[in-house]
Amino acid sequence: MTLTEVCQHLKNWFNRRPNGADLPKWTGTFTIADGSLQNSSLVEGQYFRILGSLFNDGVHKVGDALTDEVFEGAVWSMAIPQEVVDLAAEIDEWQDKYGGVDSANLSPYNSESFGGYSYSKSGGGAASTASGGAGTWQSVYAPRLNMWRKI
């Protein structure tokens, strides 16, 4: 699970300070060389979003290796709470365990019939919702994600 997917799901790019002021955003031509964004005023360990890149679109952390390129786009500084970062790691573990183990568990249907054949799926289990349908990371983690969700 990437932080990009979590932020996109939340519709929250954590680009505001606690006092409501926007964090800096830059547009123009950017160079990524030797795996890092050049001439950046971001600080070590800070999260940022790249838009308009061929290889690096998404959320990154200063210090993590990027693919070298020159691109025209935007860079947004971010202030992602550590709790969201930890939750994204937990979601990643959940995805590894339940996300693609059995395609029948991922079906949105409790029963199907076709060509004289039918089957029913029982409810319950870690990857299921209360209705017996397949659970997604979005539905399983909704109660813990909702506090950061923007409409």
C-alpha atoms as a PDB file:
ATOM      1  CA  MET A   1       0.000   0.000   0.000  1.00  0.00           C
ATOM      2  CA  THR A   2       1.406   3.289  -0.901  1.00  0.00           C
ATOM      3  CA  LEU A   3       0.796   6.547   0.851  1.00  0.00           C
ATOM      4  CA  THR A   4      -0.296   7.856  -2.538  1.00  0.00           C
ATOM      5  CA  GLU A   5      -3.238   5.414  -2.554  1.00  0.00           C
ATOM      6  CA  VAL A   6      -4.165   6.228   1.041  1.00  0.00           C
ATOM      7  CA  CYS A   7      -4.052   9.997   0.431  1.00  0.00           C
ATOM      8  CA  GLN A   8      -6.036   9.603  -2.779  1.00  0.00           C
ATOM      9  CA  HIS A   9      -8.669   7.533  -0.963  1.00  0.00           C
ATOM     10  CA  LEU A  10      -8.842  10.111   1.835  1.00  0.00           C
ATOM     11  CA  LYS A  11      -8.916  13.000  -0.669  1.00  0.00           C
ATOM     12  CA  ASN A  12      -6.400  14.535   1.703  1.00  0.00           C
ATOM     13  CA  TRP A  13      -2.887  15.437   0.621  1.00  0.00           C
ATOM     14  CA  PHE A  14      -1.966  16.814   4.067  1.00  0.00           C
ATOM     15  CA  ASN A  15      -0.838  20.087   2.507  1.00  0.00           C
ATOM     16  CA  ARG A  16      -1.949  22.361   5.353  1.00  0.00           C
ATOM     17  CA  ARG A  17      -0.332  23.354   8.589  1.00  0.00           C
ATOM     18  CA  PRO A  18      -2.256  22.803  11.850  1.00  0.00           C
ATOM     19  CA  ASN A  19      -3.179  26.510  11.806  1.00  0.00           C
ATOM     20  CA  GLY A  20      -4.850  26.055   8.392  1.00  0.00           C
ATOM     21  CA  ALA A  21      -2.153  27.762   6.314  1.00  0.00           C
ATOM     22  CA  ASP A  22      -1.171  26.014   3.098  1.00  0.00           C
ATOM     23  CA  LEU A  23       2.209  24.346   2.884  1.00  0.00           C
ATOM     24  CA  PRO A  24       4.393  25.422  -0.058  1.00  0.00           C
ATOM     25  CA  LYS A  25       3.711  24.154  -3.586  1.00  0.00           C
ATOM     26  CA  TRP A  26       6.014  24.727  -6.526  1.00  0.00           C
ATOM     27  CA  THR A  27       5.403  24.453 -10.270  1.00  0.00           C
ATOM     28  CA  GLY A  28       7.886  24.478 -13.111  1.00  0.00           C
ATOM     29  CA  THR A  29      10.703  22.320 -14.401  1.00  0.00           C
ATOM     30  CA  PHE A  30      12.228  19.921 -11.879  1.00  0.00           C
ATOM     31  CA  THR A  31      15.321  17.748 -12.000  1.00  0.00           C
ATOM     32  CA  ILE A  32      15.760  14.479 -10.197  1.00  0.00           C
ATOM     33  CA  ALA A  33      19.415  13.469 -10.266  1.00  0.00           C
ATOM     34  CA  ASP A  34      21.282  10.843  -8.282  1.00  0.00           C
ATOM     35  CA  GLY A  35      17.895   9.669  -6.984  1.00  0.00           C
ATOM     36  CA  SER A  36      16.878  12.925  -5.317  1.00  0.00           C
ATOM     37  CA  LEU A  37      14.937  16.076  -6.140  1.00  0.00           C
ATOM     38  CA  GLN A  38      17.448  18.845  -6.842  1.00  0.00           C
ATOM     39  CA  ASN A  39      17.349  22.382  -5.426  1.00  0.00           C
ATOM     40  CA  SER A  40      14.521  21.579  -3.066  1.00  0.00           C
ATOM     41  CA  SER A  41      13.706  23.368   0.172  1.00  0.00           C
ATOM     42  CA  LEU A  42      12.155  20.181   1.596  1.00  0.00           C
ATOM     43  CA  VAL A  43      13.818  18.803   4.708  1.00  0.00           C
ATOM     44  CA  GLU A  44      15.182  15.298   5.309  1.00  0.00           C
ATOM     45  CA  GLY A  45      12.361  12.906   6.166  1.00  0.00           C
ATOM     46  CA  GLN A  46       9.580  15.228   4.936  1.00  0.00           C
ATOM     47  CA  TYR A  47       6.869  13.840   2.675  1.00  0.00           C
ATOM     48  CA  PHE A  48       6.088  15.481  -0.653  1.00  0.00           C
ATOM     49  CA  ARG A  49       3.915  14.858  -3.692  1.00  0.00           C
ATOM     50  CA  ILE A  50       5.125  14.929  -7.275  1.00  0.00           C
ATOM     51  CA  LEU A  51       2.677  15.669 -10.096  1.00  0.00           C
ATOM     52  CA  GLY A  52       3.446  15.587 -13.817  1.00  0.00           C
ATOM     53  CA  SER A  53       6.423  13.246 -13.690  1.00  0.00           C
ATOM     54  CA  LEU A  54       6.827  10.331 -16.053  1.00  0.00           C
ATOM     55  CA  PHE A  55       8.485   8.087 -13.439  1.00  0.00           C
ATOM     56  CA  ASN A  56       7.869   9.580  -9.997  1.00  0.00           C
ATOM     57  CA  ASP A  57       4.258  10.767  -9.684  1.00  0.00           C
ATOM     58  CA  GLY A  58       2.990  10.166  -6.169  1.00  0.00           C
ATOM     59  CA  VAL A  59       3.937  10.642  -2.530  1.00  0.00           C
ATOM     60  CA  HIS A  60       7.588  10.317  -1.547  1.00  0.00           C
ATOM     61  CA  LYS A  61       9.790  10.951   1.461  1.00  0.00           C
ATOM     62  CA  VAL A  62      12.927  13.082   1.222  1.00  0.00           C
ATOM     63  CA  GLY A  63      15.835  10.660   1.393  1.00  0.00           C
ATOM     64  CA  ASP A  64      14.110   7.824  -0.485  1.00  0.00           C
ATOM     65  CA  ALA A  65      15.520   7.094  -3.951  1.00  0.00           C
ATOM     66  CA  LEU A  66      13.653   8.431  -6.984  1.00  0.00           C
ATOM     67  CA  THR A  67      14.140   7.675 -10.680  1.00  0.00           C
ATOM     68  CA  ASP A  68      16.311  10.304 -12.386  1.00  0.00           C
ATOM     69  CA  GLU A  69      14.498  12.559 -14.859  1.00  0.00           C
ATOM     70  CA  VAL A  70      13.686  16.142 -15.776  1.00  0.00           C
ATOM     71  CA  PHE A  71       9.975  16.945 -15.818  1.00  0.00           C
ATOM     72  CA  GLU A  72       7.520  19.807 -16.029  1.00  0.00           C
ATOM     73  CA  GLY A  73       5.025  19.624 -13.178  1.00  0.00           C
ATOM     74  CA  ALA A  74       4.473  20.391  -9.524  1.00  0.00           C
ATOM     75  CA  VAL A  75       5.902  19.477  -6.132  1.00  0.00           C
ATOM     76  CA  TRP A  76       3.766  19.835  -3.012  1.00  0.00           C
ATOM     77  CA  SER A  77       5.227  19.728   0.467  1.00  0.00           C
ATOM     78  CA  MET A  78       3.208  17.574   2.857  1.00  0.00           C
ATOM     79  CA  ALA A  79       2.811  17.059   6.591  1.00  0.00           C
ATOM     80  CA  ILE A  80       1.430  13.520   6.866  1.00  0.00           C
ATOM     81  CA  PRO A  81       0.745  12.554  10.494  1.00  0.00           C
ATOM     82  CA  GLN A  82       2.839   9.607  11.687  1.00  0.00           C
ATOM     83  CA  GLU A  83      -0.381   7.799  12.596  1.00  0.00           C
ATOM     84  CA  VAL A  84      -1.427   7.846   8.908  1.00  0.00           C
ATOM     85  CA  VAL A  85       2.015   6.606   7.835  1.00  0.00           C
ATOM     86  CA  ASP A  86       1.773   3.762  10.371  1.00  0.00           C
ATOM     87  CA  LEU A  87      -1.763   2.955   9.264  1.00  0.00           C
ATOM     88  CA  ALA A  88      -0.639   2.763   5.609  1.00  0.00           C
ATOM     89  CA  ALA A  89       2.043   0.239   6.651  1.00  0.00           C
ATOM     90  CA  GLU A  90      -0.589  -1.774   8.530  1.00  0.00           C
ATOM     91  CA  ILE A  91      -2.883  -1.681   5.478  1.00  0.00           C
ATOM     92  CA  ASP A  92       0.030  -2.919   3.370  1.00  0.00           C
ATOM     93  CA  GLU A  93       0.454  -5.913   5.693  1.00  0.00           C
ATOM     94  CA  TRP A  94      -3.310  -6.574   5.537  1.00  0.00           C
ATOM     95  CA  GLN A  95      -3.195  -6.416   1.724  1.00  0.00           C
ATOM     96  CA  ASP A  96      -0.323  -8.904   1.662  1.00  0.00           C
ATOM     97  CA  LYS A  97      -2.311 -11.265   3.869  1.00  0.00           C
ATOM     98  CA  TYR A  98      -5.851 -10.875   2.463  1.00  0.00           C
ATOM     99  CA  GLY A  99      -5.732  -8.736  -0.655  1.00  0.00           C
ATOM    100  CA  GLY A 100      -5.296 -11.354  -3.355  1.00  0.00           C
ATOM    101  CA  VAL A 101      -5.126 -14.701  -1.607  1.00  0.00           C
ATOM    102  CA  ASP A 102      -8.317 -16.147  -3.061  1.00  0.00           C
ATOM    103  CA  SER A 103     -10.202 -14.486  -5.882  1.00  0.00           C
ATOM    104  CA  ALA A 104     -13.474 -15.980  -4.558  1.00  0.00           C
ATOM    105  CA  ASN A 105     -13.005 -13.985  -1.358  1.00  0.00           C
ATOM    106  CA  LEU A 106     -12.696 -10.829  -3.427  1.00  0.00           C
ATOM    107  CA  SER A 107     -15.946 -11.349  -5.301  1.00  0.00           C
ATOM    108  CA  PRO A 108     -18.640  -8.790  -4.465  1.00  0.00           C
ATOM    109  CA  TYR A 109     -21.244 -11.576  -4.727  1.00  0.00           C
ATOM    110  CA  ASN A 110     -22.377 -13.976  -1.997  1.00  0.00           C
ATOM    111  CA  SER A 111     -23.631 -16.492  -4.566  1.00  0.00           C
ATOM    112  CA  GLU A 112     -23.516 -16.996  -8.291  1.00  0.00           C
ATOM    113  CA  SER A 113     -25.074 -19.381 -10.734  1.00  0.00           C
ATOM    114  CA  PHE A 114     -24.284 -19.941 -14.373  1.00  0.00           C
ATOM    115  CA  GLY A 115     -24.579 -22.801 -16.845  1.00  0.00           C
ATOM    116  CA  GLY A 116     -26.400 -25.050 -14.373  1.00  0.00           C
ATOM    117  CA  TYR A 117     -23.712 -24.516 -11.729  1.00  0.00           C
ATOM    118  CA  SER A 118     -24.112 -22.441  -8.596  1.00  0.00           C
ATOM    119  CA  TYR A 119     -22.200 -21.739  -5.430  1.00  0.00           C
ATOM    120  CA  SER A 120     -22.640 -19.708  -2.273  1.00  0.00           C
ATOM    121  CA  LYS A 121     -19.927 -18.115  -0.253  1.00  0.00           C
ATOM    122  CA  SER A 122     -20.206 -18.130   3.513  1.00  0.00           C
ATOM    123  CA  GLY A 123     -19.850 -14.846   5.397  1.00  0.00           C
ATOM    124  CA  GLY A 124     -17.328 -14.063   8.058  1.00  0.00           C
ATOM    125  CA  GLY A 125     -13.569 -14.187   8.044  1.00  0.00           C
ATOM    126  CA  ALA A 126     -11.009 -11.460   8.244  1.00  0.00           C
ATOM    127  CA  ALA A 127     -11.479 -10.275   4.673  1.00  0.00           C
ATOM    128  CA  SER A 128     -15.252 -10.083   4.791  1.00  0.00           C
ATOM    129  CA  THR A 129     -17.605  -7.294   5.654  1.00  0.00           C
ATOM    130  CA  ALA A 130     -20.577  -7.764   7.965  1.00  0.00           C
ATOM    131  CA  SER A 131     -22.823  -8.548   4.996  1.00  0.00           C
ATOM    132  CA  GLY A 132     -20.618 -11.452   3.986  1.00  0.00           C
ATOM    133  CA  GLY A 133     -19.219  -9.701   0.924  1.00  0.00           C
ATOM    134  CA  ALA A 134     -15.583  -9.152   0.245  1.00  0.00           C
ATOM    135  CA  GLY A 135     -13.836  -6.597   2.382  1.00  0.00           C
ATOM    136  CA  THR A 136     -11.433  -4.104   0.876  1.00  0.00           C
ATOM    137  CA  TRP A 137      -8.772  -2.216   2.748  1.00  0.00           C
ATOM    138  CA  GLN A 138     -10.993   0.861   2.339  1.00  0.00           C
ATOM    139  CA  SER A 139     -13.953  -0.801   4.083  1.00  0.00           C
ATOM    140  CA  VAL A 140     -11.929  -2.677   6.699  1.00  0.00           C
ATOM    141  CA  TYR A 141      -9.957   0.429   7.722  1.00  0.00           C
ATOM    142  CA  ALA A 142     -12.734   3.010   7.195  1.00  0.00           C
ATOM    143  CA  PRO A 143     -13.359   3.612  10.915  1.00  0.00           C
ATOM    144  CA  ARG A 144      -9.686   4.446  11.481  1.00  0.00           C
ATOM    145  CA  LEU A 145      -9.251   6.429   8.240  1.00  0.00           C
ATOM    146  CA  ASN A 146     -12.392   8.558   8.437  1.00  0.00           C
ATOM    147  CA  MET A 147     -10.951  11.136  10.826  1.00  0.00           C
ATOM    148  CA  TRP A 148      -8.598  12.292   8.031  1.00  0.00           C
ATOM    149  CA  ARG A 149     -11.051  11.942   5.160  1.00  0.00           C
ATOM    150  CA  LYS A 150     -12.036  15.056   3.237  1.00  0.00           C
ATOM    151  CA  ILE A 151     -15.290  15.212   1.309  1.00  0.00           C
END
